[in-house]
Amino acid sequence: SFYATFQLKQSETEGRFLSELSAGQWSIPELLKMVEAVLNKGAQFEDFEIEADFPVIGHRHLVINARRADLTGVGLQAALIAIEDATERKELSHKLELAEARHRIFLENAYNGILVISQKGIIEFANKRAEIQFGYSSGELRGQAYEILIPDQVGRSLRRQCEEFLRHPEDKQIGRDLDVYCKRKDGSLLPVEISLSPLTVDSEVFITAF
């Protein structure tokens, strides 16, 4: 309940203005203006986010929805306000973003060239080393089909193995015992040894190649 969530008593809440609650932490001009529009004009709003430091419970990230409600039998119009405490979700999202940023930094600065390819065969990521190895400028490989790196004349076996991996992703080593080549932007051949591994993100499978 509201009282339990914000550690307030009924006597500290009922009969008071919204702006007076929790030592004034609800006194947010934009929020008060929107609530006034709900009461006076029948407006409604959704997913309005606020951050504030509340007495006792500390810092909170809240998501607020509101609409007008007619109180049957009382003859009053009120604003029905739904409040979601999204603090933990936001903190988790922030931690995931930091982890992703650290992972990206690691990939970007890895000694080996690394590609991340979707199951449709599109290059979603290429680190600096891969761009240098294949002779492409920063960001130029992203969005390209992986086939641009496979030479026409000697790449049939490599293309076949890559296509099979895209259909059935599992860890695979290519080129350890065979002469395998990829194609640079200028058309020259680059001898390679490739490790392929599946990577699942939000139920979508990607392939890391390095």
Protein backbone atom coordinates (compact mmCIF):
# COMPACT_ATOMS: atom_id res chain seq x y z
CA SER A 1 0.00 0.00 0.00
CA PHE A 2 0.98 3.66 -0.25
CA TYR A 3 1.47 3.91 3.50
CA ALA A 4 3.74 0.87 3.67
CA THR A 5 5.74 1.76 0.56
CA PHE A 6 6.52 5.31 1.67
CA GLN A 7 6.50 4.60 5.41
CA LEU A 8 3.76 7.15 6.11
CA LYS A 9 0.91 7.19 8.59
CA GLN A 10 -2.70 7.85 7.69
CA SER A 11 -2.65 10.98 9.80
CA GLU A 12 0.34 12.26 7.81
CA THR A 13 -1.40 11.72 4.50
CA GLU A 14 -5.17 12.19 4.44
CA GLY A 15 -6.44 15.77 4.22
CA ARG A 16 -3.13 17.07 2.93
CA PHE A 17 -2.06 18.39 -0.44
CA LEU A 18 0.03 16.04 -2.57
CA SER A 19 2.84 18.61 -2.51
CA GLU A 20 3.00 18.37 1.31
CA LEU A 21 3.62 14.64 1.51
CA SER A 22 6.98 13.09 2.37
CA ALA A 23 8.56 16.38 3.43
CA GLY A 24 7.66 18.00 0.11
CA GLN A 25 9.26 15.36 -2.16
CA TRP A 26 6.03 15.19 -4.18
CA SER A 27 6.16 18.93 -4.84
CA ILE A 28 7.26 18.52 -8.43
CA PRO A 29 5.84 21.34 -10.60
CA GLU A 30 5.35 19.23 -13.73
CA LEU A 31 3.68 16.42 -11.79
CA LEU A 32 1.36 18.80 -9.93
CA LYS A 33 0.40 20.48 -13.21
CA MET A 34 -0.43 17.13 -14.79
CA VAL A 35 -2.52 16.03 -11.79
CA GLU A 36 -4.40 19.35 -11.96
CA ALA A 37 -5.18 18.66 -15.63
CA VAL A 38 -6.52 15.23 -14.66
CA LEU A 39 -8.87 16.79 -12.11
CA ASN A 40 -10.01 19.81 -14.09
CA LYS A 41 -9.97 18.57 -17.69
CA GLY A 42 -10.33 14.83 -17.41
CA ALA A 43 -6.87 14.32 -18.88
CA GLN A 44 -4.78 11.25 -18.11
CA PHE A 45 -1.11 10.41 -18.29
CA GLU A 46 1.02 7.28 -18.30
CA ASP A 47 4.62 6.33 -17.52
CA PHE A 48 5.62 9.68 -16.02
CA GLU A 49 8.95 9.04 -14.27
CA ILE A 50 10.35 10.85 -11.26
CA GLU A 51 13.37 10.38 -9.00
CA ALA A 52 13.43 11.69 -5.46
CA ASP A 53 14.99 11.13 -2.03
CA PHE A 54 12.19 10.26 0.37
CA PRO A 55 12.38 10.30 4.18
CA VAL A 56 13.05 6.85 5.67
CA ILE A 57 12.99 4.86 2.38
CA GLY A 58 15.68 6.88 0.60
CA HIS A 59 16.19 7.32 -3.14
CA ARG A 60 13.44 5.99 -5.37
CA HIS A 61 12.68 5.88 -9.09
CA LEU A 62 8.91 5.97 -9.60
CA VAL A 63 6.67 5.48 -12.63
CA ILE A 64 3.29 7.22 -12.32
CA ASN A 65 -0.01 6.79 -14.18
CA ALA A 66 -3.13 8.84 -13.49
CA ARG A 67 -6.72 9.28 -14.66
CA ARG A 68 -9.85 10.91 -13.32
CA ALA A 69 -12.29 8.83 -11.31
CA ASP A 70 -15.85 9.70 -10.25
CA LEU A 71 -16.56 8.62 -6.67
CA THR A 72 -20.07 7.19 -6.90
CA GLY A 73 -22.40 8.30 -4.11
CA VAL A 74 -20.05 11.01 -2.91
CA GLY A 75 -20.38 13.42 -5.79
CA LEU A 76 -16.65 14.06 -5.98
CA GLN A 77 -14.16 13.77 -8.78
CA ALA A 78 -10.71 12.48 -7.84
CA ALA A 79 -7.45 11.68 -9.53
CA LEU A 80 -6.68 7.98 -9.38
CA ILE A 81 -2.90 7.73 -9.26
CA ALA A 82 -1.04 4.45 -9.71
CA ILE A 83 2.58 4.45 -8.54
CA GLU A 84 5.15 1.81 -9.50
CA ASP A 85 8.41 1.64 -7.57
CA ALA A 86 10.82 0.92 -10.44
CA THR A 87 13.98 1.47 -8.39
CA GLU A 88 15.27 -2.12 -8.48
CA ARG A 89 14.43 -2.51 -12.17
CA LYS A 90 16.25 0.72 -13.04
CA GLU A 91 19.28 -0.26 -10.95
CA LEU A 92 19.40 -3.67 -12.63
CA SER A 93 19.09 -2.04 -16.06
CA HIS A 94 21.93 0.33 -15.16
CA LYS A 95 24.13 -2.58 -14.03
CA LEU A 96 23.40 -4.43 -17.27
CA GLU A 97 24.30 -1.34 -19.29
CA LEU A 98 27.60 -1.04 -17.40
CA ALA A 99 28.34 -4.74 -17.95
CA GLU A 100 27.55 -4.39 -21.64
CA ALA A 101 29.80 -1.32 -21.89
CA ARG A 102 32.68 -3.18 -20.20
CA HIS A 103 32.15 -6.18 -22.48
CA ARG A 104 32.16 -3.93 -25.54
CA ILE A 105 35.39 -2.26 -24.38
CA PHE A 106 36.95 -5.71 -23.96
CA LEU A 107 35.86 -6.75 -27.46
CA GLU A 108 36.98 -3.47 -29.01
CA ASN A 109 40.46 -3.78 -27.55
CA ALA A 110 40.98 -7.53 -27.96
CA TYR A 111 44.16 -8.57 -29.76
CA ASN A 112 42.25 -10.90 -32.10
CA GLY A 113 39.78 -9.74 -34.70
CA ILE A 114 36.21 -10.38 -33.50
CA LEU A 115 32.94 -10.33 -35.45
CA VAL A 116 29.38 -10.75 -34.15
CA ILE A 117 27.04 -12.03 -36.86
CA SER A 118 23.24 -12.49 -36.75
CA GLN A 119 21.64 -15.75 -37.87
CA LYS A 120 20.65 -13.91 -41.04
CA GLY A 121 24.36 -13.60 -41.82
CA ILE A 122 24.60 -9.84 -41.12
CA ILE A 123 27.65 -8.44 -39.34
CA GLU A 124 26.34 -6.67 -36.23
CA PHE A 125 29.73 -5.83 -34.70
CA ALA A 126 33.39 -5.78 -35.75
CA ASN A 127 36.14 -4.73 -33.38
CA LYS A 128 39.03 -2.48 -34.35
CA ARG A 129 41.41 -5.38 -34.89
CA ALA A 130 39.03 -7.05 -37.37
CA GLU A 131 38.54 -3.77 -39.26
CA ILE A 132 42.31 -3.34 -39.53
CA GLN A 133 42.86 -6.97 -40.58
CA PHE A 134 40.28 -6.75 -43.35
CA GLY A 135 41.17 -3.20 -44.38
CA TYR A 136 37.86 -1.52 -43.54
CA SER A 137 37.30 1.85 -41.86
CA SER A 138 35.55 2.18 -38.50
CA GLY A 139 31.93 0.99 -38.66
CA GLU A 140 32.14 0.04 -42.34
CA LEU A 141 31.64 -3.69 -41.80
CA ARG A 142 28.52 -3.30 -39.65
CA GLY A 143 25.35 -4.12 -41.55
CA GLN A 144 27.22 -5.97 -44.31
CA ALA A 145 26.64 -9.64 -45.16
CA TYR A 146 29.47 -11.82 -43.86
CA GLU A 147 29.97 -13.18 -47.40
CA ILE A 148 31.92 -10.05 -48.36
CA LEU A 149 34.80 -11.51 -46.35
CA ILE A 150 34.76 -14.86 -48.17
CA PRO A 151 36.75 -15.06 -51.41
CA ASP A 152 34.87 -16.36 -54.43
CA GLN A 153 37.63 -18.53 -55.81
CA VAL A 154 38.75 -20.43 -52.69
CA GLY A 155 35.93 -19.83 -50.22
CA ARG A 156 33.45 -22.57 -51.08
CA SER A 157 34.37 -24.80 -48.14
CA LEU A 158 34.42 -21.88 -45.70
CA ARG A 159 31.08 -20.60 -46.98
CA ARG A 160 29.55 -24.06 -46.63
CA GLN A 161 30.81 -24.44 -43.06
CA CYS A 162 29.54 -20.98 -42.11
CA GLU A 163 26.12 -21.66 -43.61
CA GLU A 164 25.90 -24.94 -41.70
CA PHE A 165 26.86 -23.17 -38.48
CA LEU A 166 24.18 -20.51 -39.02
CA ARG A 167 21.58 -23.28 -39.31
CA HIS A 168 22.88 -25.26 -36.31
CA PRO A 169 24.96 -23.01 -34.01
CA GLU A 170 27.46 -24.80 -31.78
CA ASP A 171 31.10 -24.17 -30.91
CA LYS A 172 33.24 -24.86 -33.97
CA GLN A 173 36.86 -24.44 -35.06
CA ILE A 174 37.62 -23.72 -38.73
CA GLY A 175 41.05 -23.70 -40.31
CA ARG A 176 43.18 -25.40 -37.69
CA ASP A 177 44.27 -28.21 -40.01
CA LEU A 178 43.37 -26.62 -43.35
CA ASP A 179 44.48 -23.58 -45.30
CA VAL A 180 41.53 -21.18 -44.94
CA TYR A 181 41.44 -17.65 -46.35
CA CYS A 182 39.22 -14.63 -45.97
CA LYS A 183 39.10 -11.64 -48.30
CA ARG A 184 40.27 -8.14 -47.45
CA LYS A 185 38.52 -5.06 -48.81
CA ASP A 186 41.18 -4.67 -51.50
CA GLY A 187 40.57 -8.26 -52.67
CA SER A 188 43.78 -9.74 -51.26
CA LEU A 189 43.60 -12.96 -49.25
CA LEU A 190 44.12 -13.23 -45.51
CA PRO A 191 45.02 -16.64 -44.00
CA VAL A 192 42.80 -17.24 -40.97
CA GLU A 193 41.92 -19.68 -38.23
CA ILE A 194 38.35 -19.09 -37.04
CA SER A 195 36.53 -20.04 -33.84
CA LEU A 196 32.73 -19.82 -34.02
CA SER A 197 30.52 -19.69 -30.91
CA PRO A 198 26.78 -19.03 -30.48
CA LEU A 199 25.67 -16.07 -28.34
CA THR A 200 22.04 -15.70 -27.20
CA VAL A 201 20.72 -12.19 -26.50
CA ASP A 202 17.01 -11.71 -25.68
CA SER A 203 16.22 -15.13 -27.23
CA GLU A 204 17.95 -14.13 -30.49
CA VAL A 205 21.03 -16.13 -31.49
CA PHE A 206 24.17 -14.37 -32.71
CA ILE A 207 27.49 -15.86 -33.77
CA THR A 208 30.84 -14.66 -32.49
CA ALA A 209 33.76 -15.27 -34.81
CA PHE A 210 37.38 -14.65 -33.86
